[in-house]
Amino acid sequence: MSNIATLAIVDWRELEGQLRPYVITEAGEQEAAWAPQPGSQEAFMSCPAEEVLYEGNRGPGKTDALLMDFCQHIGCGWGSEWRGILFRQTYPQLSDVIVKSHKWFPMIWPGCRYNDSSHTWTWSTGETLTFSYGMREKDYWNYHGKEWPWIAFEELTTWADPAFFLKMFSCCRASVPGMPRKIRATTNPYGPGHNWVKMRYHLPCAPGEIYGPLIEEIDEDGASLPERIAIHGCLEENRILLTADPKYIGKIRTAAKGNKAILEAWLHGSWDIVAGGMFDDVWEAVKHVVPDFEVPFSWRIYRAFDWGSSAPFSVGWWAVSDGTDVKIGNRVCSTVRGDLFRIAEWYGWNGEPNRGVKMLNHDIAKGIIERELTMGIHERCKAGPADASIFKTENGICYANELMRSQFIQGKKRKLTFVSSNSAPGTRKLGWGLMRERFLATAPKDGRIGPREFPGLFVTTRCDQFRRTVPVLPRDMDRDPDDVNTEAEDHIADESRYMTVFATVSRGSGRLQGVAC
């Protein structure tokens, strides 16, 4: 039996209920211990791009292909210079990939050895592969100054932001000419990092395509950055699994029964939803997103704010209906008193998901006022809720006071006003529940036809960042499924939650109740 077949001609044969690879050469044929299956596995292992993401649904064999991508270069003469490191956020999360390495490595290379204390495989020819951890940007300093020509990340969307991932690029180097330099990753389409991964690799891939677009970028100095690409895998390609367990697809359908979102993620690898998301079962863009429109003067407009510096800040402008009709697009639409419309937004990010712009509070306030003046709503815009933490005074500094300090803008003294959002215990989950109720009121799921009874929540087409981040916000399945995962990009969602709680309407009077402090 030979070891792994990568570029050879492989004939797959079913023997005793198992699919096995046979290498065909001029000298004859020989069974291989492992070979990449046609489709995404072959594409992943042969891709020349320096940075490659292998994404898809459950079952295409992503982890096996990730391990073998490193191993295909063993015995090429580089010896101890060929070093790899494979990351998850914690050591316990590495258990599955370590088990798979123990399945394949001793079978293919009987002389290799595993060190339990260092979590490292060493081959008789000197190559090494280490399993390690890194959760946050600061964990990079555990690896600073070291060299690995092969760096990999398993389940990339479990990282809430790309900080640690990108920092490790500086360690992907070696002094040996001609040796590959590779950044490799695998993932399913859900988790706290769903948005930044989707954005970085321009996902999803085109329908029916294995390869996503090849992304080539230059930095601010004009230097070329490593090219990157995503490769899409699907369960149907894994003939080994489906031959051994032909009912596996049915098992996935059974496990996801009653939850269309989970089925789309597990079976189809959809990037348009998040399995177990806070809103994926109540959000329908076709009903919740409306064209930009002129807000009737009888409606009230509020500004809401979630503060951030190294993380993004979020400003949302919200119109609250008094129940009068409004012209949206080419038709006149009826509204329910208390309907919330997110009519505009300003997201303080640097273009990288979950990364802020570190603006001074004075400049944020100026930017808010200038935008309101441009939109023609500054004089009618009222104080909405802001992040409660900015109203606290620490070391003599109160961010809220800095934001609400008067300043001259366009020849006139102007200032902002906010009220504190409610930070009482239970308010977070109350807010998510109210948002869910408003999404449902906007687009009832029971097939009801006729006028709406309860106020809903709408978003205009100009609010791109709301539509990018909020509908796919994941629940915190580990600590509290009724809350969102705070490691995710939740800043716009928090600001929207403040406003939704604030805009709870008291029956009869129609006045906004200051649930905020």
Protein backbone atom coordinates (compact mmCIF):
# COMPACT_ATOMS: atom_id res chain seq x y z
CA MET A 1 0.00 0.00 0.00
CA SER A 2 1.35 3.46 -0.92
CA ASN A 3 0.85 6.52 1.27
CA ILE A 4 -1.23 9.42 -0.10
CA ALA A 5 -2.12 9.98 -3.73
CA THR A 6 -2.44 13.63 -4.69
CA LEU A 7 -1.51 14.24 -8.33
CA ALA A 8 -1.63 10.62 -9.52
CA ILE A 9 -4.43 9.01 -11.53
CA VAL A 10 -6.78 7.46 -8.98
CA ASP A 11 -9.42 4.81 -9.58
CA TRP A 12 -12.07 4.58 -6.86
CA ARG A 13 -13.46 1.09 -6.22
CA GLU A 14 -16.13 -0.16 -3.88
CA LEU A 15 -14.97 -3.21 -1.94
CA GLU A 16 -16.82 -4.74 0.99
CA GLY A 17 -19.00 -1.69 1.42
CA GLN A 18 -16.07 0.74 1.37
CA LEU A 19 -14.78 3.06 -1.35
CA ARG A 20 -11.03 2.71 -1.78
CA PRO A 21 -8.51 4.61 -3.94
CA TYR A 22 -6.13 2.82 -6.31
CA VAL A 23 -3.19 4.62 -7.91
CA ILE A 24 -2.69 3.83 -11.59
CA THR A 25 0.86 4.10 -12.98
CA GLU A 26 2.83 2.59 -15.89
CA ALA A 27 4.20 0.03 -13.46
CA GLY A 28 0.72 -1.10 -12.45
CA GLU A 29 -1.75 -0.23 -9.75
CA GLN A 30 -1.57 -0.01 -5.99
CA GLU A 31 -4.07 0.79 -3.26
CA ALA A 32 -3.42 4.13 -1.53
CA ALA A 33 -4.11 4.76 2.14
CA TRP A 34 -5.72 8.10 1.30
CA ALA A 35 -6.49 10.23 -1.74
CA PRO A 36 -8.42 13.47 -2.23
CA GLN A 37 -11.85 12.81 -3.67
CA PRO A 38 -12.83 14.52 -6.93
CA GLY A 39 -14.26 17.99 -6.50
CA SER A 40 -13.52 20.30 -3.59
CA GLN A 41 -10.92 18.09 -1.87
CA GLU A 42 -8.81 17.92 -5.04
CA ALA A 43 -9.32 21.64 -5.63
CA PHE A 44 -8.29 22.53 -2.08
CA MET A 45 -5.11 20.47 -2.06
CA SER A 46 -3.95 21.65 -5.48
CA CYS A 47 -4.87 25.34 -5.15
CA PRO A 48 -1.79 27.57 -5.66
CA ALA A 49 -3.20 30.62 -3.82
CA GLU A 50 -1.35 31.45 -0.61
CA GLU A 51 -4.58 31.84 1.44
CA VAL A 52 -7.39 29.34 0.90
CA LEU A 53 -10.64 28.77 2.80
CA TYR A 54 -12.38 25.38 2.48
CA GLU A 55 -16.03 26.05 3.38
CA GLY A 56 -19.29 24.22 2.96
CA ASN A 57 -21.88 22.05 4.65
CA ARG A 58 -21.37 19.09 6.94
CA GLY A 59 -19.58 16.12 5.51
CA PRO A 60 -17.37 16.92 2.48
CA GLY A 61 -14.22 15.89 4.36
CA LYS A 62 -12.76 19.31 5.11
CA THR A 63 -10.71 18.28 8.16
CA ASP A 64 -9.10 15.29 6.43
CA ALA A 65 -8.19 17.48 3.46
CA LEU A 66 -6.73 20.13 5.78
CA LEU A 67 -4.42 17.61 7.45
CA MET A 68 -3.38 16.09 4.15
CA ASP A 69 -2.68 19.49 2.64
CA PHE A 70 0.22 19.73 5.08
CA CYS A 71 1.20 16.08 4.70
CA GLN A 72 1.43 16.12 0.90
CA HIS A 73 4.73 18.02 1.29
CA ILE A 74 6.32 15.48 3.67
CA GLY A 75 9.34 13.73 2.20
CA CYS A 76 10.00 16.47 -0.36
CA GLY A 77 13.49 17.12 1.00
CA TRP A 78 12.77 20.12 3.24
CA GLY A 79 13.05 18.11 6.45
CA SER A 80 12.67 20.11 9.65
CA GLU A 81 12.17 23.32 7.64
CA TRP A 82 8.66 22.10 6.72
CA ARG A 83 6.78 23.07 9.86
CA GLY A 84 3.05 23.49 10.34
CA ILE A 85 0.74 24.73 13.08
CA LEU A 86 -3.03 24.17 13.22
CA PHE A 87 -5.22 26.36 15.43
CA ARG A 88 -8.49 26.27 17.24
CA GLN A 89 -9.49 28.66 20.00
CA THR A 90 -8.88 26.18 22.83
CA TYR A 91 -7.14 22.83 23.21
CA PRO A 92 -10.39 20.91 23.95
CA GLN A 93 -11.74 22.04 20.57
CA LEU A 94 -8.78 20.30 18.90
CA SER A 95 -9.88 16.84 20.03
CA ASP A 96 -11.60 15.92 16.75
CA VAL A 97 -8.70 16.90 14.51
CA ILE A 98 -6.20 15.16 16.82
CA VAL A 99 -8.26 11.96 16.69
CA LYS A 100 -8.29 12.10 12.89
CA SER A 101 -4.53 12.66 12.79
CA HIS A 102 -4.06 9.52 14.90
CA LYS A 103 -6.23 7.62 12.45
CA TRP A 104 -4.18 8.53 9.38
CA PHE A 105 -0.62 9.45 10.29
CA PRO A 106 0.66 6.16 11.86
CA MET A 107 -1.03 4.20 9.05
CA ILE A 108 0.64 6.21 6.31
CA TRP A 109 3.95 7.01 8.06
CA PRO A 110 4.67 4.27 10.66
CA GLY A 111 7.77 6.10 11.85
CA CYS A 112 6.04 9.35 12.90
CA ARG A 113 5.57 10.08 16.58
CA TYR A 114 3.13 12.23 18.59
CA ASN A 115 4.21 14.20 21.67
CA ASP A 116 1.24 14.62 24.03
CA SER A 117 2.79 17.47 26.02
CA SER A 118 3.64 19.65 23.00
CA HIS A 119 0.75 18.36 20.84
CA THR A 120 3.23 17.85 18.00
CA TRP A 121 3.70 15.20 15.33
CA THR A 122 7.29 14.60 14.19
CA TRP A 123 8.21 12.58 11.11
CA SER A 124 11.37 10.52 10.66
CA THR A 125 12.42 12.94 7.93
CA GLY A 126 12.20 15.88 10.35
CA GLU A 127 8.88 17.57 9.45
CA THR A 128 6.64 18.70 12.34
CA LEU A 129 2.95 19.58 12.74
CA THR A 130 1.75 21.22 15.96
CA PHE A 131 -1.82 21.62 17.24
CA SER A 132 -2.24 24.81 19.24
CA TYR A 133 -4.68 27.49 20.42
CA GLY A 134 -5.30 31.19 19.92
CA MET A 135 -8.51 33.03 20.75
CA ARG A 136 -7.80 36.77 20.85
CA GLU A 137 -5.37 39.16 19.24
CA LYS A 138 -3.14 39.17 22.34
CA ASP A 139 -2.59 35.41 21.98
CA TYR A 140 -0.46 36.18 18.94
CA TRP A 141 2.40 37.10 21.27
CA ASN A 142 2.73 33.43 22.21
CA TYR A 143 3.96 32.87 18.65
CA HIS A 144 5.66 36.16 17.78
CA GLY A 145 9.01 35.73 16.04
CA LYS A 146 8.49 32.06 15.14
CA GLU A 147 8.28 30.60 11.63
CA TRP A 148 5.74 28.26 10.09
CA PRO A 149 5.43 27.99 6.31
CA TRP A 150 2.06 26.24 6.83
CA ILE A 151 -0.51 27.82 9.19
CA ALA A 152 -4.08 26.52 9.44
CA PHE A 153 -7.33 27.36 11.24
CA GLU A 154 -10.11 24.83 11.85
CA GLU A 155 -13.69 26.23 11.99
CA LEU A 156 -12.72 29.82 11.15
CA THR A 157 -16.15 31.32 11.97
CA THR A 158 -15.64 30.47 15.66
CA TRP A 159 -13.29 33.49 15.80
CA ALA A 160 -15.51 36.53 16.36
CA ASP A 161 -13.10 38.84 14.54
CA PRO A 162 -10.07 38.35 12.26
CA ALA A 163 -7.48 39.97 14.58
CA PHE A 164 -5.62 36.83 15.71
CA PHE A 165 -6.02 35.19 12.29
CA LEU A 166 -4.44 38.16 10.49
CA LYS A 167 -1.67 38.67 13.06
CA MET A 168 -0.46 35.10 12.46
CA PHE A 169 0.23 35.92 8.80
CA SER A 170 3.51 37.47 9.97
CA CYS A 171 4.66 34.00 11.09
CA CYS A 172 4.00 32.35 7.72
CA ARG A 173 7.55 32.44 6.41
CA ALA A 174 10.66 30.34 5.81
CA SER A 175 14.15 30.84 4.43
CA VAL A 176 14.11 27.88 2.03
CA PRO A 177 13.64 28.89 -1.64
CA GLY A 178 10.82 27.16 -3.47
CA MET A 179 9.06 25.86 -0.38
CA PRO A 180 5.31 26.65 -0.26
CA ARG A 181 3.93 29.28 2.10
CA LYS A 182 0.35 28.49 2.95
CA ILE A 183 -2.51 29.91 5.05
CA ARG A 184 -5.32 27.36 5.12
CA ALA A 185 -8.68 27.29 6.91
CA THR A 186 -11.93 25.35 7.06
CA THR A 187 -15.38 26.39 8.24
CA ASN A 188 -19.13 25.94 8.15
CA PRO A 189 -21.31 29.01 7.50
CA TYR A 190 -22.33 29.95 11.03
CA GLY A 191 -20.83 31.17 14.26
CA PRO A 192 -19.80 34.51 15.77
CA GLY A 193 -17.37 35.18 12.91
CA HIS A 194 -19.91 34.49 10.16
CA ASN A 195 -19.94 38.07 8.87
CA TRP A 196 -16.22 38.78 8.62
CA VAL A 197 -15.49 35.42 6.99
CA LYS A 198 -18.34 35.93 4.51
CA MET A 199 -17.03 39.38 3.67
CA ARG A 200 -13.33 38.46 3.47
CA TYR A 201 -13.88 35.68 0.92
CA HIS A 202 -16.82 37.24 -0.97
CA LEU A 203 -19.14 34.36 -0.08
CA PRO A 204 -21.19 32.55 -1.14
CA CYS A 205 -19.53 31.01 -4.17
CA ALA A 206 -21.61 31.18 -7.34
CA PRO A 207 -24.30 28.44 -7.53
CA GLY A 208 -22.80 25.20 -8.80
CA GLU A 209 -19.23 26.51 -8.56
CA ILE A 210 -16.44 25.05 -6.43
CA TYR A 211 -14.19 28.13 -6.61
CA GLY A 212 -15.08 31.57 -5.32
CA PRO A 213 -13.56 34.71 -6.83
CA LEU A 214 -9.77 35.08 -6.64
CA ILE A 215 -9.26 38.14 -4.46
CA GLU A 216 -6.18 40.25 -5.14
CA GLU A 217 -5.58 43.39 -3.09
CA ILE A 218 -2.91 46.01 -2.50
CA ASP A 219 -2.23 47.88 0.72
CA GLU A 220 -2.08 51.64 1.24
CA ASP A 221 1.57 51.66 0.12
CA GLY A 222 0.76 49.92 -3.15
CA ALA A 223 2.26 46.56 -2.14
CA SER A 224 0.48 43.38 -3.21
CA LEU A 225 -1.19 41.36 -0.46
CA PRO A 226 -1.39 37.55 -0.55
CA GLU A 227 -4.12 36.46 -2.96
CA ARG A 228 -6.96 34.50 -1.41
CA ILE A 229 -9.84 32.32 -2.52
CA ALA A 230 -12.65 30.20 -1.08
CA ILE A 231 -13.41 26.64 -2.17
CA HIS A 232 -16.90 25.26 -1.61
CA GLY A 233 -17.44 21.66 -0.60
CA CYS A 234 -20.68 19.72 -0.35
CA LEU A 235 -21.61 16.42 1.24
CA GLU A 236 -22.57 14.79 -2.06
CA GLU A 237 -18.88 14.82 -3.06
CA ASN A 238 -17.93 12.59 -0.14
CA ARG A 239 -18.59 9.24 -1.78
CA ILE A 240 -16.56 7.46 0.91
CA LEU A 241 -18.94 8.62 3.65
CA LEU A 242 -22.12 8.08 1.63
CA THR A 243 -20.99 4.61 0.52
CA ALA A 244 -20.27 3.61 4.11
CA ASP A 245 -23.39 5.36 5.47
CA PRO A 246 -25.97 5.88 2.67
CA LYS A 247 -28.55 7.16 5.17
CA TYR A 248 -26.36 10.02 6.42
CA ILE A 249 -28.23 12.74 4.50
CA GLY A 250 -31.47 11.47 6.00
CA LYS A 251 -29.92 11.72 9.46
CA ILE A 252 -29.08 15.38 8.84
CA ARG A 253 -32.64 16.05 7.71
CA THR A 254 -33.98 14.35 10.83
CA ALA A 255 -31.66 16.33 13.12
CA ALA A 256 -32.75 19.60 11.46
CA LYS A 257 -36.45 18.75 11.26
CA GLY A 258 -38.62 21.79 11.90
CA ASN A 259 -35.78 24.29 11.52
CA LYS A 260 -35.25 25.42 7.94
CA ALA A 261 -32.27 27.56 8.92
CA ILE A 262 -30.32 24.67 10.42
CA LEU A 263 -31.15 22.50 7.41
CA GLU A 264 -29.85 25.18 5.03
CA ALA A 265 -26.58 25.45 6.97
CA TRP A 266 -25.97 21.76 7.62
CA LEU A 267 -27.11 20.35 4.31
CA HIS A 268 -26.55 23.16 1.82
CA GLY A 269 -23.84 25.28 3.45
CA SER A 270 -25.89 28.46 2.99
CA TRP A 271 -24.21 31.76 3.90
CA ASP A 272 -27.56 33.59 3.88
CA ILE A 273 -28.55 32.35 7.32
CA VAL A 274 -27.02 31.45 10.66
CA ALA A 275 -28.09 28.17 12.22
CA GLY A 276 -29.41 28.97 15.67
CA GLY A 277 -29.44 32.71 14.98
CA MET A 278 -31.40 35.19 17.07
CA PHE A 279 -33.49 36.39 14.12
CA ASP A 280 -33.02 33.92 11.27
CA ASP A 281 -36.46 32.41 11.79
CA VAL A 282 -38.31 35.76 11.89
CA TRP A 283 -36.38 37.92 9.41
CA GLU A 284 -37.60 38.18 5.81
CA ALA A 285 -35.75 40.82 3.81
CA VAL A 286 -38.48 41.02 1.20
CA LYS A 287 -40.91 42.21 3.90
CA HIS A 288 -38.67 44.00 6.38
CA VAL A 289 -36.58 46.05 3.95
CA VAL A 290 -38.33 49.00 2.28
CA PRO A 291 -37.18 51.73 -0.12
CA ASP A 292 -36.01 55.04 1.27
CA PHE A 293 -38.96 57.43 1.78
CA GLU A 294 -39.84 60.89 3.03
CA VAL A 295 -40.87 60.70 6.70
CA PRO A 296 -44.23 62.39 7.35
CA PHE A 297 -43.88 65.48 9.50
CA SER A 298 -46.38 64.10 12.01
CA TRP A 299 -44.02 61.21 12.80
CA ARG A 300 -41.25 61.48 15.37
CA ILE A 301 -37.58 60.85 14.59
CA TYR A 302 -35.08 59.66 17.21
CA ARG A 303 -31.35 59.00 17.23
CA ALA A 304 -29.97 55.94 19.04
CA PHE A 305 -26.32 55.24 19.80
CA ASP A 306 -24.00 52.38 20.78
CA TRP A 307 -20.53 53.62 21.71
CA GLY A 308 -17.30 52.06 20.45
CA SER A 309 -13.69 52.94 19.86
CA SER A 310 -11.51 49.94 19.00
CA ALA A 311 -14.82 48.21 18.29
CA PRO A 312 -17.32 49.96 15.97
CA PHE A 313 -19.85 52.51 17.18
CA SER A 314 -23.36 52.59 15.75
CA VAL A 315 -25.73 55.51 15.21
CA GLY A 316 -29.25 54.78 14.04
CA TRP A 317 -31.97 57.23 13.05
CA TRP A 318 -35.44 55.89 13.68
CA ALA A 319 -38.84 57.17 12.58
CA VAL A 320 -41.86 56.20 14.68
CA SER A 321 -45.21 56.12 12.91
CA ASP A 322 -48.28 57.78 14.38
CA GLY A 323 -50.48 55.46 12.34
CA THR A 324 -50.84 57.65 9.26
CA ASP A 325 -50.31 56.37 5.73
CA VAL A 326 -46.98 56.94 4.02
CA LYS A 327 -45.82 56.85 0.41
CA ILE A 328 -43.06 54.25 0.01
CA GLY A 329 -41.80 53.76 -3.52
CA ASN A 330 -44.70 54.01 -5.93
CA ARG A 331 -47.49 53.16 -3.52
CA VAL A 332 -49.20 54.48 -0.42
CA CYS A 333 -48.80 52.11 2.53
CA SER A 334 -50.79 51.92 5.73
CA THR A 335 -48.87 51.79 9.01
CA VAL A 336 -49.58 50.81 12.60
CA ARG A 337 -49.09 53.39 15.33
CA GLY A 338 -45.67 52.66 16.85
CA ASP A 339 -44.15 51.10 13.72
CA LEU A 340 -40.38 51.56 13.84
CA PHE A 341 -38.51 52.49 10.64
CA ARG A 342 -34.72 52.59 10.64
CA ILE A 343 -34.30 55.37 8.09
CA ALA A 344 -30.53 55.95 8.23
CA GLU A 345 -27.36 54.82 9.98
CA TRP A 346 -23.70 55.63 10.56
CA TYR A 347 -21.46 52.69 11.41
CA GLY A 348 -18.07 53.60 12.83
CA TRP A 349 -15.91 50.82 11.41
CA ASN A 350 -12.69 50.73 9.40
CA GLY A 351 -14.06 48.41 6.72
CA GLU A 352 -12.96 45.28 8.59
CA PRO A 353 -15.81 43.53 10.43
CA ASN A 354 -15.88 44.26 14.16
CA ARG A 355 -13.02 46.79 13.95
CA GLY A 356 -13.61 50.39 15.00
CA VAL A 357 -12.11 53.69 13.87
CA LYS A 358 -11.08 55.02 17.31
CA MET A 359 -12.74 58.41 16.80
CA LEU A 360 -12.83 60.99 19.57
CA ASN A 361 -16.25 61.60 21.12
CA HIS A 362 -16.14 65.24 20.02
CA ASP A 363 -15.67 64.12 16.38
CA ILE A 364 -18.41 61.49 16.64
CA ALA A 365 -20.85 64.14 17.89
CA LYS A 366 -19.83 66.50 15.10
CA GLY A 367 -20.30 63.73 12.53
CA ILE A 368 -23.78 62.92 13.84
CA ILE A 369 -24.90 66.55 13.70
CA GLU A 370 -23.44 67.08 10.22
CA ARG A 371 -25.25 64.01 8.92
CA GLU A 372 -28.53 65.18 10.44
CA LEU A 373 -28.10 68.57 8.82
CA THR A 374 -27.44 66.92 5.46
CA MET A 375 -30.56 64.79 5.82
CA GLY A 376 -32.58 67.83 6.94
CA ILE A 377 -33.73 66.21 10.18
CA HIS A 378 -31.52 67.82 12.85
CA GLU A 379 -34.16 70.23 14.17
CA ARG A 380 -36.81 67.53 14.48
CA CYS A 381 -34.54 64.71 15.73
CA LYS A 382 -35.19 63.89 19.39
CA ALA A 383 -33.09 62.29 22.11
CA GLY A 384 -33.15 58.52 21.80
CA PRO A 385 -31.35 55.91 23.90
CA ALA A 386 -27.57 55.52 24.07
CA ASP A 387 -25.36 52.87 25.59
CA ALA A 388 -25.83 53.13 29.38
CA SER A 389 -22.11 52.67 30.00
CA ILE A 390 -21.26 56.10 28.55
CA PHE A 391 -23.29 57.85 31.26
CA LYS A 392 -20.97 56.56 33.99
CA THR A 393 -18.23 58.83 35.30
CA GLU A 394 -14.81 57.24 35.63
CA ASN A 395 -11.70 59.20 36.62
CA GLY A 396 -13.72 62.38 36.20
CA ILE A 397 -14.66 61.57 32.59
CA CYS A 398 -18.20 60.97 31.31
CA TYR A 399 -18.41 60.08 27.61
CA ALA A 400 -22.06 61.15 27.45
CA ASN A 401 -21.16 64.67 28.57
CA GLU A 402 -18.44 64.82 25.92
CA LEU A 403 -20.90 63.75 23.23
CA MET A 404 -23.57 66.21 24.33
CA ARG A 405 -21.28 69.23 24.70
CA SER A 406 -22.24 72.19 22.50
CA GLN A 407 -20.06 73.05 19.50
CA PHE A 408 -20.23 75.42 16.55
CA ILE A 409 -21.18 73.65 13.33
CA GLN A 410 -22.09 75.46 10.12
CA GLY A 411 -22.05 78.82 11.87
CA LYS A 412 -24.39 77.90 14.71
CA LYS A 413 -24.07 76.51 18.22
CA ARG A 414 -25.50 73.00 18.23
CA LYS A 415 -25.57 69.98 20.54
CA LEU A 416 -26.81 66.40 20.76
CA THR A 417 -29.02 64.89 23.41
CA PHE A 418 -29.39 61.27 24.48
CA VAL A 419 -31.00 59.36 27.32
CA SER A 420 -29.47 56.33 28.94
CA SER A 421 -30.62 52.94 27.73
CA ASN A 422 -32.05 50.58 30.31
CA SER A 423 -29.34 48.37 31.77
CA ALA A 424 -31.45 46.64 34.44
CA PRO A 425 -31.04 42.85 34.76
CA GLY A 426 -32.99 41.02 32.08
CA THR A 427 -33.26 44.03 29.77
CA ARG A 428 -30.97 42.49 27.12
CA LYS A 429 -33.17 39.46 26.64
CA LEU A 430 -36.30 41.64 26.88
CA GLY A 431 -34.92 43.73 24.02
CA TRP A 432 -34.19 40.74 21.80
CA GLY A 433 -37.68 39.43 22.50
CA LEU A 434 -39.27 42.74 21.57
CA MET A 435 -37.28 42.88 18.33
CA ARG A 436 -38.42 39.36 17.47
CA GLU A 437 -42.04 40.34 18.20
CA ARG A 438 -41.77 43.35 15.91
CA PHE A 439 -40.22 41.31 13.09
CA LEU A 440 -43.09 38.83 13.45
CA ALA A 441 -45.66 41.63 13.52
CA THR A 442 -44.19 42.95 10.29
CA ALA A 443 -44.33 39.56 8.57
CA PRO A 444 -46.70 37.15 10.37
CA LYS A 445 -45.76 33.47 10.04
CA ASP A 446 -49.25 32.05 10.47
CA GLY A 447 -50.48 32.97 7.00
CA ARG A 448 -52.79 35.66 8.37
CA ILE A 449 -54.16 38.00 5.69
CA GLY A 450 -55.40 41.49 6.43
CA PRO A 451 -54.31 44.61 8.30
CA ARG A 452 -51.50 44.28 10.83
CA GLU A 453 -52.50 44.68 14.46
CA PHE A 454 -49.22 45.32 16.26
CA PRO A 455 -46.27 47.63 15.52
CA GLY A 456 -43.48 46.17 13.42
CA LEU A 457 -39.86 46.97 12.61
CA PHE A 458 -38.71 48.01 9.13
CA VAL A 459 -35.33 48.95 7.65
CA THR A 460 -34.73 51.15 4.61
CA THR A 461 -32.45 50.09 1.79
CA ARG A 462 -29.84 52.68 2.79
CA CYS A 463 -29.11 50.74 6.03
CA ASP A 464 -26.61 48.30 4.52
CA GLN A 465 -24.75 47.55 7.75
CA PHE A 466 -27.92 46.64 9.64
CA ARG A 467 -28.80 44.21 6.88
CA ARG A 468 -25.26 42.80 6.90
CA THR A 469 -24.97 42.18 10.64
CA VAL A 470 -28.34 41.92 12.40
CA PRO A 471 -30.25 39.20 10.49
CA VAL A 472 -27.36 36.73 10.97
CA LEU A 473 -26.63 37.51 14.63
CA PRO A 474 -25.98 34.18 16.43
CA ARG A 475 -27.40 33.13 19.75
CA ASP A 476 -25.03 32.30 22.61
CA MET A 477 -25.63 28.56 22.50
CA ASP A 478 -22.94 27.83 25.11
CA ARG A 479 -24.00 30.20 27.90
CA ASP A 480 -27.52 31.47 27.26
CA PRO A 481 -29.51 30.63 24.09
CA ASP A 482 -31.92 33.50 24.86
CA ASP A 483 -29.10 36.03 24.49
CA VAL A 484 -26.82 36.80 21.54
CA ASN A 485 -23.19 35.80 21.32
CA THR A 486 -21.42 38.95 22.50
CA GLU A 487 -18.27 37.94 20.59
CA ALA A 488 -20.18 38.52 17.34
CA GLU A 489 -20.51 41.85 15.51
CA ASP A 490 -23.50 42.98 17.59
CA HIS A 491 -23.07 46.77 17.80
CA ILE A 492 -25.90 47.73 15.44
CA ALA A 493 -28.08 45.08 17.05
CA ASP A 494 -27.44 46.57 20.50
CA GLU A 495 -28.29 50.06 19.31
CA SER A 496 -31.47 48.71 17.66
CA ARG A 497 -32.34 46.87 20.87
CA TYR A 498 -32.01 50.08 22.90
CA MET A 499 -34.42 51.81 20.52
CA THR A 500 -36.90 48.94 20.44
CA VAL A 501 -37.16 48.88 24.23
CA PHE A 502 -37.34 52.68 24.36
CA ALA A 503 -40.11 52.77 21.75
CA THR A 504 -42.44 50.38 23.55
CA VAL A 505 -45.81 52.02 23.09
CA SER A 506 -48.29 52.43 25.93
CA ARG A 507 -51.76 51.45 24.76
CA GLY A 508 -54.23 54.26 24.52
CA SER A 509 -51.99 57.33 24.69
CA GLY A 510 -49.64 56.40 21.85
CA ARG A 511 -46.84 58.18 23.70
CA LEU A 512 -43.36 56.75 23.79
CA GLN A 513 -42.68 55.41 27.22
CA GLY A 514 -39.24 56.18 28.60
CA VAL A 515 -38.31 52.63 29.46
CA ALA A 516 -34.83 54.13 29.23
CA CYS A 517 -33.56 55.76 32.41
